[in-house]
């Protein structure tokens, strides 16, 4: 099991807590941001392989921002590889 607290940059959410077991995502919790959407993302990535989640989420933008909460999650997950 690995735990990571990641402080986001450039998004409404300010922090992401991630729990993994090997290369599988066990739990993701966002703090701040769009609560319903972020709960949805957290549930969708649960049980997913880290690399698969990174491939799906990396590069997603929010409006005119150069990043998004899903993109920040991908950046955090890269630290767990």
Protein backbone atom coordinates (compact mmCIF):
# COMPACT_ATOMS: atom_id res chain seq x y z
CA UNK A 1 0.00 0.00 0.00
CA UNK A 2 1.16 3.48 -0.83
CA UNK A 3 -0.38 6.79 0.25
CA UNK A 4 0.23 10.12 -1.44
CA UNK A 5 -0.98 13.61 -0.61
CA UNK A 6 -0.63 15.82 -3.68
CA UNK A 7 -1.16 19.59 -3.62
CA UNK A 8 -2.66 20.70 -6.91
CA UNK A 9 -1.64 23.69 -8.99
CA UNK A 10 -3.92 25.78 -11.19
CA UNK A 11 -7.23 24.12 -10.22
CA UNK A 12 -10.15 24.78 -7.90
CA UNK A 13 -9.32 21.66 -5.91
CA UNK A 14 -6.35 22.16 -3.61
CA UNK A 15 -5.36 18.64 -2.60
CA UNK A 16 -5.69 15.03 -3.73
CA UNK A 17 -5.19 12.07 -1.39
CA UNK A 18 -4.45 8.79 -3.16
CA UNK A 19 -4.18 5.24 -1.81
CA UNK A 20 -2.77 2.51 -4.06
CA UNK A 21 -2.04 -1.18 -3.68
CA UNK A 22 0.75 -2.10 -6.06
CA UNK A 23 -0.26 -0.60 -9.41
CA UNK A 24 -3.99 -0.47 -8.56
CA UNK A 25 -5.76 2.68 -7.35
CA UNK A 26 -7.67 1.88 -4.15
CA UNK A 27 -9.03 5.33 -3.24
CA UNK A 28 -8.89 8.96 -4.40
CA UNK A 29 -10.19 11.95 -2.45
CA UNK A 30 -10.20 15.52 -3.78
CA UNK A 31 -10.45 18.59 -1.53
CA UNK A 32 -12.18 21.64 -2.97
CA UNK A 33 -13.34 21.88 -6.56
CA UNK A 34 -16.58 20.60 -8.10
CA UNK A 35 -17.66 18.04 -5.53
CA UNK A 36 -20.00 15.95 -7.69
CA UNK A 37 -17.64 15.73 -10.66
CA UNK A 38 -14.66 14.90 -8.49
CA UNK A 39 -16.58 12.19 -6.64
CA UNK A 40 -17.39 10.73 -10.04
CA UNK A 41 -13.75 10.75 -11.14
CA UNK A 42 -12.72 9.17 -7.83
CA UNK A 43 -15.20 6.32 -8.27
CA UNK A 44 -14.29 5.78 -11.93
CA UNK A 45 -10.55 5.38 -11.26
CA UNK A 46 -11.03 3.09 -8.24
CA UNK A 47 -9.69 -0.35 -9.16
CA UNK A 48 -7.95 1.01 -12.27
CA UNK A 49 -4.24 0.49 -12.99
CA UNK A 50 -2.19 3.63 -12.39
CA UNK A 51 -0.84 3.75 -15.96
CA UNK A 52 -4.32 3.31 -17.46
CA UNK A 53 -5.68 6.22 -15.41
CA UNK A 54 -2.74 8.43 -16.41
CA UNK A 55 -3.35 7.68 -20.11
CA UNK A 56 -7.03 8.61 -19.82
CA UNK A 57 -6.66 11.76 -17.68
CA UNK A 58 -3.39 13.37 -18.71
CA UNK A 59 -3.73 16.56 -20.72
CA UNK A 60 -7.39 17.29 -19.96
CA UNK A 61 -7.93 21.04 -19.71
CA UNK A 62 -10.55 23.00 -17.79
CA UNK A 63 -11.80 25.94 -19.84
CA UNK A 64 -8.89 28.23 -20.66
CA UNK A 65 -6.66 26.74 -17.95
CA UNK A 66 -3.66 24.67 -19.01
CA UNK A 67 -4.65 21.92 -16.56
CA UNK A 68 -7.67 20.43 -14.78
CA UNK A 69 -8.45 18.29 -11.75
CA UNK A 70 -8.19 15.09 -13.84
CA UNK A 71 -4.85 16.28 -15.28
CA UNK A 72 -3.60 17.04 -11.77
CA UNK A 73 -4.62 13.53 -10.70
CA UNK A 74 -2.54 12.15 -13.59
CA UNK A 75 0.45 14.22 -12.44
CA UNK A 76 0.02 12.91 -8.89
CA UNK A 77 -0.25 9.31 -10.09
CA UNK A 78 3.01 9.70 -12.04
CA UNK A 79 4.75 10.18 -8.69
CA UNK A 80 3.61 6.69 -7.68
CA UNK A 81 5.15 4.85 -10.64
